[in-house]
Amino acid sequence: MTIRIAKPEDLLMMVDIYNQAIAAGQRTGDTQAVTLDGRLQWFAEHCPDRHPILVEENAGRVIGYLSISAYRPGRTALRHTAEVSYFVHFDFHRQGVASRLLQQAIDRCPSLQIKTLFAILMENNTASIAQLKKFGFELWGRMPRVADYDGIEIGQLYYGRRVTN
């Protein structure tokens, strides 16, 4: 297994992985499947030397990815803060993929000039909460009942971690 910077040709596999999370329900704010065309702008916004997307591949197949995204782009006081999001193909859950991607992201933060990472997740995502806690993230905020899935209201949580002093 190899972790590397995402390439445009990885995007289709990344879309498939993300759509698995959407289909499973209540794991992302999206409720409808995304398309390759719909994710092109998102991909383009991730400059590898500042806000990379990392993929883990196994036998040439992307099995998980993690994006480091700008927080409030253009607001220079927030330039050292980034949001981290990760998704793993369901066939590879509980095999350490998310852990390896998250560790790689944390390790890269100093060279990316990122001092603070945070993740936004649904409050019922206990697996990701445990994952983030394992890597030293703490609950920084809660937004109760902000997501509505056909009448089922779920809160969002903000977990954060300072990665450099």
C-alpha atoms as a PDB file:
ATOM      1  CA  MET A   1       0.000   0.000   0.000  1.00  0.00           C
ATOM      2  CA  THR A   2       1.236   3.446  -0.940  1.00  0.00           C
ATOM      3  CA  ILE A   3       0.186   6.923   0.175  1.00  0.00           C
ATOM      4  CA  ARG A   4       0.772   9.674  -2.356  1.00  0.00           C
ATOM      5  CA  ILE A   5      -0.597  12.952  -3.670  1.00  0.00           C
ATOM      6  CA  ALA A   6      -3.808  12.468  -5.656  1.00  0.00           C
ATOM      7  CA  LYS A   7      -3.694  12.777  -9.424  1.00  0.00           C
ATOM      8  CA  PRO A   8      -6.606  13.796 -11.675  1.00  0.00           C
ATOM      9  CA  GLU A   9      -6.990  10.194 -12.837  1.00  0.00           C
ATOM     10  CA  ASP A  10      -7.728   9.193  -9.199  1.00  0.00           C
ATOM     11  CA  LEU A  11     -10.798  11.383  -9.021  1.00  0.00           C
ATOM     12  CA  LEU A  12     -13.253   8.810 -10.402  1.00  0.00           C
ATOM     13  CA  MET A  13     -12.275   6.292  -7.704  1.00  0.00           C
ATOM     14  CA  MET A  14     -12.491   9.038  -5.089  1.00  0.00           C
ATOM     15  CA  VAL A  15     -15.996   9.933  -6.262  1.00  0.00           C
ATOM     16  CA  ASP A  16     -17.010   6.270  -5.957  1.00  0.00           C
ATOM     17  CA  ILE A  17     -15.689   6.122  -2.380  1.00  0.00           C
ATOM     18  CA  TYR A  18     -17.457   9.344  -1.419  1.00  0.00           C
ATOM     19  CA  ASN A  19     -20.708   8.129  -2.962  1.00  0.00           C
ATOM     20  CA  GLN A  20     -20.513   5.016  -0.775  1.00  0.00           C
ATOM     21  CA  ALA A  21     -20.638   7.291   2.265  1.00  0.00           C
ATOM     22  CA  ILE A  22     -23.587   9.203   0.824  1.00  0.00           C
ATOM     23  CA  ALA A  23     -25.486   5.987   0.053  1.00  0.00           C
ATOM     24  CA  ALA A  24     -24.869   4.701   3.592  1.00  0.00           C
ATOM     25  CA  GLY A  25     -26.649   7.808   4.896  1.00  0.00           C
ATOM     26  CA  GLN A  26     -25.943  10.363   7.585  1.00  0.00           C
ATOM     27  CA  ARG A  27     -22.155  10.300   7.054  1.00  0.00           C
ATOM     28  CA  THR A  28     -21.817  13.506   5.067  1.00  0.00           C
ATOM     29  CA  GLY A  29     -23.949  16.561   4.465  1.00  0.00           C
ATOM     30  CA  ASP A  30     -24.597  15.408   0.908  1.00  0.00           C
ATOM     31  CA  THR A  31     -27.730  13.357   0.360  1.00  0.00           C
ATOM     32  CA  GLN A  32     -27.437  12.835  -3.404  1.00  0.00           C
ATOM     33  CA  ALA A  33     -24.569  11.123  -5.211  1.00  0.00           C
ATOM     34  CA  VAL A  34     -21.909  13.451  -6.586  1.00  0.00           C
ATOM     35  CA  THR A  35     -20.571  13.288 -10.119  1.00  0.00           C
ATOM     36  CA  LEU A  36     -17.097  13.407 -11.533  1.00  0.00           C
ATOM     37  CA  ASP A  37     -17.845  16.745 -13.202  1.00  0.00           C
ATOM     38  CA  GLY A  38     -19.252  18.058  -9.939  1.00  0.00           C
ATOM     39  CA  ARG A  39     -16.008  17.293  -8.093  1.00  0.00           C
ATOM     40  CA  LEU A  40     -13.574  18.789 -10.625  1.00  0.00           C
ATOM     41  CA  GLN A  41     -13.637  22.251  -9.029  1.00  0.00           C
ATOM     42  CA  TRP A  42     -13.157  20.744  -5.557  1.00  0.00           C
ATOM     43  CA  PHE A  43     -10.140  18.811  -6.819  1.00  0.00           C
ATOM     44  CA  ALA A  44      -8.686  21.898  -8.518  1.00  0.00           C
ATOM     45  CA  GLU A  45      -8.904  23.873  -5.255  1.00  0.00           C
ATOM     46  CA  HIS A  46      -6.429  21.493  -3.599  1.00  0.00           C
ATOM     47  CA  CYS A  47      -2.946  22.645  -4.536  1.00  0.00           C
ATOM     48  CA  PRO A  48      -0.532  19.799  -3.642  1.00  0.00           C
ATOM     49  CA  ASP A  49       2.038  22.105  -2.062  1.00  0.00           C
ATOM     50  CA  ARG A  50      -0.473  23.871   0.207  1.00  0.00           C
ATOM     51  CA  HIS A  51      -3.719  21.868   0.561  1.00  0.00           C
ATOM     52  CA  PRO A  52      -3.082  18.391  -0.832  1.00  0.00           C
ATOM     53  CA  ILE A  53      -5.358  15.444  -1.334  1.00  0.00           C
ATOM     54  CA  LEU A  54      -3.671  12.216  -0.266  1.00  0.00           C
ATOM     55  CA  VAL A  55      -4.697   8.803  -1.527  1.00  0.00           C
ATOM     56  CA  GLU A  56      -3.805   5.355  -0.372  1.00  0.00           C
ATOM     57  CA  GLU A  57      -3.654   2.826  -3.135  1.00  0.00           C
ATOM     58  CA  ASN A  58      -3.484  -0.924  -3.100  1.00  0.00           C
ATOM     59  CA  ALA A  59      -2.526  -2.740  -6.296  1.00  0.00           C
ATOM     60  CA  GLY A  60      -3.149   0.423  -8.320  1.00  0.00           C
ATOM     61  CA  ARG A  61      -6.602   1.011  -6.829  1.00  0.00           C
ATOM     62  CA  VAL A  62      -7.439   4.006  -4.625  1.00  0.00           C
ATOM     63  CA  ILE A  63      -8.860   2.571  -1.401  1.00  0.00           C
ATOM     64  CA  GLY A  64      -9.074   5.773   0.615  1.00  0.00           C
ATOM     65  CA  TYR A  65      -8.351   9.463   0.461  1.00  0.00           C
ATOM     66  CA  LEU A  66      -7.892  12.442   2.707  1.00  0.00           C
ATOM     67  CA  SER A  67      -8.186  16.098   1.771  1.00  0.00           C
ATOM     68  CA  ILE A  68      -6.607  19.030   3.546  1.00  0.00           C
ATOM     69  CA  SER A  69      -8.775  22.018   2.683  1.00  0.00           C
ATOM     70  CA  ALA A  70      -8.328  25.724   3.205  1.00  0.00           C
ATOM     71  CA  TYR A  71     -10.410  27.211   5.993  1.00  0.00           C
ATOM     72  CA  ARG A  72     -12.120  30.445   4.964  1.00  0.00           C
ATOM     73  CA  PRO A  73      -9.941  31.031   1.870  1.00  0.00           C
ATOM     74  CA  GLY A  74      -8.799  34.598   1.431  1.00  0.00           C
ATOM     75  CA  ARG A  75      -8.915  35.451   5.131  1.00  0.00           C
ATOM     76  CA  THR A  76      -5.212  35.630   5.793  1.00  0.00           C
ATOM     77  CA  ALA A  77      -5.460  35.462   9.585  1.00  0.00           C
ATOM     78  CA  LEU A  78      -6.799  31.904   9.133  1.00  0.00           C
ATOM     79  CA  ARG A  79      -4.151  30.768   6.617  1.00  0.00           C
ATOM     80  CA  HIS A  80      -2.522  28.341   9.081  1.00  0.00           C
ATOM     81  CA  THR A  81      -5.780  26.482   9.794  1.00  0.00           C
ATOM     82  CA  ALA A  82      -7.160  23.695   7.600  1.00  0.00           C
ATOM     83  CA  GLU A  83     -10.021  21.222   7.525  1.00  0.00           C
ATOM     84  CA  VAL A  84      -9.263  17.547   7.135  1.00  0.00           C
ATOM     85  CA  SER A  85     -11.745  15.051   5.642  1.00  0.00           C
ATOM     86  CA  TYR A  86     -11.193  11.391   4.881  1.00  0.00           C
ATOM     87  CA  PHE A  87     -13.136   8.551   3.312  1.00  0.00           C
ATOM     88  CA  VAL A  88     -12.251   4.882   2.957  1.00  0.00           C
ATOM     89  CA  HIS A  89     -13.725   2.340   0.543  1.00  0.00           C
ATOM     90  CA  PHE A  90     -16.072   0.094   2.514  1.00  0.00           C
ATOM     91  CA  ASP A  91     -14.095  -3.019   1.526  1.00  0.00           C
ATOM     92  CA  PHE A  92     -11.098  -1.592   3.403  1.00  0.00           C
ATOM     93  CA  HIS A  93     -12.688  -0.331   6.617  1.00  0.00           C
ATOM     94  CA  ARG A  94     -10.927  -1.324   9.843  1.00  0.00           C
ATOM     95  CA  GLN A  95      -7.651  -2.012   8.059  1.00  0.00           C
ATOM     96  CA  GLY A  96      -5.779   1.102   9.176  1.00  0.00           C
ATOM     97  CA  VAL A  97      -6.300   3.135   6.010  1.00  0.00           C
ATOM     98  CA  ALA A  98      -7.765   6.171   7.798  1.00  0.00           C
ATOM     99  CA  SER A  99      -5.053   6.000  10.451  1.00  0.00           C
ATOM    100  CA  ARG A 100      -2.270   5.978   7.887  1.00  0.00           C
ATOM    101  CA  LEU A 101      -3.813   8.849   5.935  1.00  0.00           C
ATOM    102  CA  LEU A 102      -4.418  10.935   9.037  1.00  0.00           C
ATOM    103  CA  GLN A 103      -0.889  10.379  10.332  1.00  0.00           C
ATOM    104  CA  GLN A 104       0.521  11.336   6.945  1.00  0.00           C
ATOM    105  CA  ALA A 105      -1.554  14.540   6.956  1.00  0.00           C
ATOM    106  CA  ILE A 106      -0.411  15.487  10.457  1.00  0.00           C
ATOM    107  CA  ASP A 107       3.208  14.786   9.531  1.00  0.00           C
ATOM    108  CA  ARG A 108       2.941  17.072   6.487  1.00  0.00           C
ATOM    109  CA  CYS A 109       1.411  20.021   8.339  1.00  0.00           C
ATOM    110  CA  PRO A 110       4.675  21.778   9.289  1.00  0.00           C
ATOM    111  CA  SER A 111       5.891  21.816   5.686  1.00  0.00           C
ATOM    112  CA  LEU A 112       2.441  23.051   4.583  1.00  0.00           C
ATOM    113  CA  GLN A 113       2.557  25.827   7.204  1.00  0.00           C
ATOM    114  CA  ILE A 114      -0.554  24.433   8.869  1.00  0.00           C
ATOM    115  CA  LYS A 115      -0.686  24.855  12.632  1.00  0.00           C
ATOM    116  CA  THR A 116      -4.235  23.734  13.324  1.00  0.00           C
ATOM    117  CA  LEU A 117      -6.365  20.963  11.822  1.00  0.00           C
ATOM    118  CA  PHE A 118     -10.041  20.389  12.394  1.00  0.00           C
ATOM    119  CA  ALA A 119     -12.666  17.970  11.135  1.00  0.00           C
ATOM    120  CA  ILE A 120     -16.416  18.447  10.826  1.00  0.00           C
ATOM    121  CA  LEU A 121     -18.509  15.313  11.214  1.00  0.00           C
ATOM    122  CA  MET A 122     -21.985  14.117  12.031  1.00  0.00           C
ATOM    123  CA  GLU A 123     -22.494  13.405  15.721  1.00  0.00           C
ATOM    124  CA  ASN A 124     -23.533   9.806  15.047  1.00  0.00           C
ATOM    125  CA  ASN A 125     -20.228   8.981  13.303  1.00  0.00           C
ATOM    126  CA  THR A 126     -18.732   7.184  16.282  1.00  0.00           C
ATOM    127  CA  ALA A 127     -15.990   5.498  14.241  1.00  0.00           C
ATOM    128  CA  SER A 128     -14.580   8.825  13.048  1.00  0.00           C
ATOM    129  CA  ILE A 129     -14.916  10.358  16.495  1.00  0.00           C
ATOM    130  CA  ALA A 130     -12.836   7.515  17.941  1.00  0.00           C
ATOM    131  CA  GLN A 131     -10.331   7.852  15.087  1.00  0.00           C
ATOM    132  CA  LEU A 132      -9.871  11.569  15.655  1.00  0.00           C
ATOM    133  CA  LYS A 133      -9.523  11.149  19.422  1.00  0.00           C
ATOM    134  CA  LYS A 134      -6.850   8.505  18.841  1.00  0.00           C
ATOM    135  CA  PHE A 135      -4.833  11.183  17.023  1.00  0.00           C
ATOM    136  CA  GLY A 136      -5.252  13.827  19.715  1.00  0.00           C
ATOM    137  CA  PHE A 137      -8.222  15.716  18.310  1.00  0.00           C
ATOM    138  CA  GLU A 138     -10.630  17.154  20.867  1.00  0.00           C
ATOM    139  CA  LEU A 139     -14.235  18.266  20.667  1.00  0.00           C
ATOM    140  CA  TRP A 140     -14.137  22.002  19.941  1.00  0.00           C
ATOM    141  CA  GLY A 141     -17.720  22.637  18.960  1.00  0.00           C
ATOM    142  CA  ARG A 142     -21.199  21.242  18.531  1.00  0.00           C
ATOM    143  CA  MET A 143     -23.961  22.443  16.261  1.00  0.00           C
ATOM    144  CA  PRO A 144     -27.136  20.676  17.384  1.00  0.00           C
ATOM    145  CA  ARG A 145     -29.705  19.433  14.871  1.00  0.00           C
ATOM    146  CA  VAL A 146     -28.302  21.303  11.857  1.00  0.00           C
ATOM    147  CA  ALA A 147     -28.460  18.396   9.391  1.00  0.00           C
ATOM    148  CA  ASP A 148     -31.856  17.124   8.247  1.00  0.00           C
ATOM    149  CA  TYR A 149     -32.126  13.715   6.609  1.00  0.00           C
ATOM    150  CA  ASP A 150     -35.793  13.477   5.619  1.00  0.00           C
ATOM    151  CA  GLY A 151     -36.966  14.616   9.034  1.00  0.00           C
ATOM    152  CA  ILE A 152     -34.174  13.042  11.084  1.00  0.00           C
ATOM    153  CA  GLU A 153     -32.152  15.882  12.563  1.00  0.00           C
ATOM    154  CA  ILE A 154     -28.520  15.280  13.461  1.00  0.00           C
ATOM    155  CA  GLY A 155     -25.926  17.606  14.887  1.00  0.00           C
ATOM    156  CA  GLN A 156     -22.466  18.332  13.554  1.00  0.00           C
ATOM    157  CA  LEU A 157     -19.329  18.175  15.660  1.00  0.00           C
ATOM    158  CA  TYR A 158     -16.083  20.051  15.235  1.00  0.00           C
ATOM    159  CA  TYR A 159     -12.984  18.188  16.367  1.00  0.00           C
ATOM    160  CA  GLY A 160      -9.688  20.031  16.323  1.00  0.00           C
ATOM    161  CA  ARG A 161      -6.045  19.638  17.065  1.00  0.00           C
ATOM    162  CA  ARG A 162      -3.083  21.944  17.210  1.00  0.00           C
ATOM    163  CA  VAL A 163      -0.348  20.258  15.121  1.00  0.00           C
ATOM    164  CA  THR A 164       2.522  22.726  15.601  1.00  0.00           C
ATOM    165  CA  ASN A 165       3.406  25.168  18.357  1.00  0.00           C
END
